[in-house]
Amino acid sequence: MSKTITRADLGNAVYREVGLSLSDSMQLVDAFFDIISETLESGEQVKLSSFGTFGLRQKKARVGRNPKTGVEVTITPRTVLSFNPSNILKESVNRNLGGHIRSSRKS
C-alpha cells in the first residue's frame, strides 16, 4: 500500500480507459482539479456522488502549547479544508482492505 497516485498516473489512466490522446487526458485531469480548487477557493463545497464531499470549516482561535517548552501560544482562527468520504466509498475500501474507516465528521 505504499504506492502514491500522481496526476500523471491519473492522466495515463484516462488515456488508457477513455482513449483520448495523452495530452488531452492530462488536460482533462488538470481541468478537473482546477475546477475543484476554484470552487473551494470561492467558499463553496464540492460533492462528488459516490465518492465524497470536499468542504471548508472555520476553526476558532484557541490556546495551544509548545510541547518542547510548555509555553502557551494563541492559535489564530483559520479556515481548513475537509473531506468526508461517502458511505459507498467507505464500504468499498473496508470491503477491499478489511479495515475500518472513520469519518472525520464529529458525531
C-alpha atoms as a PDB file:
ATOM      1  CA  MET A   1       0.000   0.000   0.000  1.00  0.00           C
ATOM      2  CA  SER A   2       2.989   2.328  -0.430  1.00  0.00           C
ATOM      3  CA  LYS A   3       2.043   3.452  -3.968  1.00  0.00           C
ATOM      4  CA  THR A   4       1.086   7.086  -4.351  1.00  0.00           C
ATOM      5  CA  ILE A   5      -1.073   8.022  -7.330  1.00  0.00           C
ATOM      6  CA  THR A   6       0.031  11.212  -9.079  1.00  0.00           C
ATOM      7  CA  ARG A   7      -1.610  13.498 -11.614  1.00  0.00           C
ATOM      8  CA  ALA A   8       0.492  11.799 -14.281  1.00  0.00           C
ATOM      9  CA  ASP A   9      -0.859   8.399 -13.185  1.00  0.00           C
ATOM     10  CA  LEU A  10      -4.419   9.742 -13.402  1.00  0.00           C
ATOM     11  CA  GLY A  11      -3.726  11.171 -16.863  1.00  0.00           C
ATOM     12  CA  ASN A  12      -2.357   7.826 -18.007  1.00  0.00           C
ATOM     13  CA  ALA A  13      -5.420   6.038 -16.618  1.00  0.00           C
ATOM     14  CA  VAL A  14      -7.739   8.387 -18.541  1.00  0.00           C
ATOM     15  CA  TYR A  15      -5.608   7.817 -21.645  1.00  0.00           C
ATOM     16  CA  ARG A  16      -5.934   4.020 -21.307  1.00  0.00           C
ATOM     17  CA  GLU A  17      -9.596   3.898 -20.255  1.00  0.00           C
ATOM     18  CA  VAL A  18     -11.185   6.661 -22.338  1.00  0.00           C
ATOM     19  CA  GLY A  19      -8.985   6.694 -25.414  1.00  0.00           C
ATOM     20  CA  LEU A  20      -8.193  10.399 -25.540  1.00  0.00           C
ATOM     21  CA  SER A  21      -4.687  11.395 -26.549  1.00  0.00           C
ATOM     22  CA  LEU A  22      -2.215  11.522 -23.678  1.00  0.00           C
ATOM     23  CA  SER A  23      -2.057  15.319 -23.976  1.00  0.00           C
ATOM     24  CA  ASP A  24      -5.850  15.644 -23.898  1.00  0.00           C
ATOM     25  CA  SER A  25      -6.032  13.219 -20.968  1.00  0.00           C
ATOM     26  CA  MET A  26      -3.577  15.301 -18.957  1.00  0.00           C
ATOM     27  CA  GLN A  27      -5.507  18.490 -19.804  1.00  0.00           C
ATOM     28  CA  LEU A  28      -8.731  16.820 -18.639  1.00  0.00           C
ATOM     29  CA  VAL A  29      -7.204  15.791 -15.303  1.00  0.00           C
ATOM     30  CA  ASP A  30      -5.704  19.267 -14.802  1.00  0.00           C
ATOM     31  CA  ALA A  31      -9.032  20.934 -15.629  1.00  0.00           C
ATOM     32  CA  PHE A  32     -10.846  18.638 -13.182  1.00  0.00           C
ATOM     33  CA  PHE A  33      -8.542  19.625 -10.313  1.00  0.00           C
ATOM     34  CA  ASP A  34      -8.599  23.298 -11.322  1.00  0.00           C
ATOM     35  CA  ILE A  35     -12.417  23.326 -11.152  1.00  0.00           C
ATOM     36  CA  ILE A  36     -12.389  21.681  -7.716  1.00  0.00           C
ATOM     37  CA  SER A  37      -9.745  24.132  -6.442  1.00  0.00           C
ATOM     38  CA  GLU A  38     -11.532  27.200  -7.815  1.00  0.00           C
ATOM     39  CA  THR A  39     -14.844  26.071  -6.331  1.00  0.00           C
ATOM     40  CA  LEU A  40     -13.312  25.578  -2.881  1.00  0.00           C
ATOM     41  CA  GLU A  41     -11.449  28.904  -3.135  1.00  0.00           C
ATOM     42  CA  SER A  42     -14.793  30.631  -3.741  1.00  0.00           C
ATOM     43  CA  GLY A  43     -16.121  29.163  -0.480  1.00  0.00           C
ATOM     44  CA  GLU A  44     -18.396  26.511  -1.983  1.00  0.00           C
ATOM     45  CA  GLN A  45     -18.294  22.791  -1.271  1.00  0.00           C
ATOM     46  CA  VAL A  46     -17.647  20.095  -3.876  1.00  0.00           C
ATOM     47  CA  LYS A  47     -19.794  16.986  -3.709  1.00  0.00           C
ATOM     48  CA  LEU A  48     -18.790  14.054  -5.887  1.00  0.00           C
ATOM     49  CA  SER A  49     -21.589  11.488  -5.798  1.00  0.00           C
ATOM     50  CA  SER A  50     -20.475   8.055  -4.553  1.00  0.00           C
ATOM     51  CA  PHE A  51     -17.052   9.499  -3.647  1.00  0.00           C
ATOM     52  CA  GLY A  52     -17.348  12.225  -1.025  1.00  0.00           C
ATOM     53  CA  THR A  53     -17.585  15.897  -0.200  1.00  0.00           C
ATOM     54  CA  PHE A  54     -14.819  18.483  -0.005  1.00  0.00           C
ATOM     55  CA  GLY A  55     -15.701  21.444   2.153  1.00  0.00           C
ATOM     56  CA  LEU A  56     -14.342  24.253   4.284  1.00  0.00           C
ATOM     57  CA  ARG A  57     -14.623  24.536   8.054  1.00  0.00           C
ATOM     58  CA  GLN A  58     -13.966  27.547  10.233  1.00  0.00           C
ATOM     59  CA  LYS A  59     -11.775  26.882  13.260  1.00  0.00           C
ATOM     60  CA  LYS A  60     -11.919  29.260  16.201  1.00  0.00           C
ATOM     61  CA  ALA A  61      -8.918  30.805  17.909  1.00  0.00           C
ATOM     62  CA  ARG A  62      -7.614  28.696  20.756  1.00  0.00           C
ATOM     63  CA  VAL A  63      -4.727  28.444  23.157  1.00  0.00           C
ATOM     64  CA  GLY A  64      -2.098  25.854  22.289  1.00  0.00           C
ATOM     65  CA  ARG A  65       1.071  24.800  23.997  1.00  0.00           C
ATOM     66  CA  ASN A  66       4.558  24.281  22.593  1.00  0.00           C
ATOM     67  CA  PRO A  67       5.268  20.650  23.535  1.00  0.00           C
ATOM     68  CA  LYS A  68       9.010  21.258  23.937  1.00  0.00           C
ATOM     69  CA  THR A  69       8.901  24.359  26.103  1.00  0.00           C
ATOM     70  CA  GLY A  70       5.390  24.303  27.520  1.00  0.00           C
ATOM     71  CA  VAL A  71       4.914  27.955  26.516  1.00  0.00           C
ATOM     72  CA  GLU A  72       1.302  28.848  25.683  1.00  0.00           C
ATOM     73  CA  VAL A  73       0.628  30.396  22.292  1.00  0.00           C
ATOM     74  CA  THR A  74      -2.561  31.650  20.675  1.00  0.00           C
ATOM     75  CA  ILE A  75      -3.511  29.729  17.556  1.00  0.00           C
ATOM     76  CA  THR A  76      -5.315  32.129  15.230  1.00  0.00           C
ATOM     77  CA  PRO A  77      -8.726  31.397  13.692  1.00  0.00           C
ATOM     78  CA  ARG A  78      -8.452  29.823  10.290  1.00  0.00           C
ATOM     79  CA  THR A  79     -10.280  28.021   7.517  1.00  0.00           C
ATOM     80  CA  VAL A  80      -9.393  24.381   6.939  1.00  0.00           C
ATOM     81  CA  LEU A  81     -10.196  22.037   4.080  1.00  0.00           C
ATOM     82  CA  SER A  82     -12.064  18.864   4.996  1.00  0.00           C
ATOM     83  CA  PHE A  83     -13.039  15.730   3.120  1.00  0.00           C
ATOM     84  CA  ASN A  84     -15.887  13.464   4.148  1.00  0.00           C
ATOM     85  CA  PRO A  85     -15.962  10.202   2.201  1.00  0.00           C
ATOM     86  CA  SER A  86     -19.318   8.865   1.048  1.00  0.00           C
ATOM     87  CA  ASN A  87     -20.710   5.725   2.646  1.00  0.00           C
ATOM     88  CA  ILE A  88     -20.250   3.959  -0.695  1.00  0.00           C
ATOM     89  CA  LEU A  89     -16.529   4.800  -0.758  1.00  0.00           C
ATOM     90  CA  LYS A  90     -16.058   3.831   2.903  1.00  0.00           C
ATOM     91  CA  GLU A  91     -17.824   0.493   2.394  1.00  0.00           C
ATOM     92  CA  SER A  92     -15.791  -0.235  -0.733  1.00  0.00           C
ATOM     93  CA  VAL A  93     -12.474   0.496   0.990  1.00  0.00           C
ATOM     94  CA  ASN A  94     -13.463  -1.518   4.049  1.00  0.00           C
ATOM     95  CA  ARG A  95     -14.557  -4.449   1.886  1.00  0.00           C
ATOM     96  CA  ASN A  96     -11.338  -4.431  -0.149  1.00  0.00           C
ATOM     97  CA  LEU A  97      -8.847  -3.692   2.640  1.00  0.00           C
ATOM     98  CA  GLY A  98     -10.642  -5.262   5.571  1.00  0.00           C
ATOM     99  CA  GLY A  99     -10.087  -2.149   7.657  1.00  0.00           C
ATOM    100  CA  HIS A 100     -12.318   0.367   9.319  1.00  0.00           C
ATOM    101  CA  ILE A 101     -12.518   3.979   8.148  1.00  0.00           C
ATOM    102  CA  ARG A 102     -13.957   6.628  10.416  1.00  0.00           C
ATOM    103  CA  SER A 103     -15.481   9.762   9.040  1.00  0.00           C
ATOM    104  CA  SER A 104     -13.682  12.961  10.012  1.00  0.00           C
ATOM    105  CA  ARG A 105     -17.075  14.441  10.864  1.00  0.00           C
ATOM    106  CA  LYS A 106     -17.737  14.642  14.590  1.00  0.00           C
ATOM    107  CA  SER A 107     -20.942  12.953  15.754  1.00  0.00           C
END
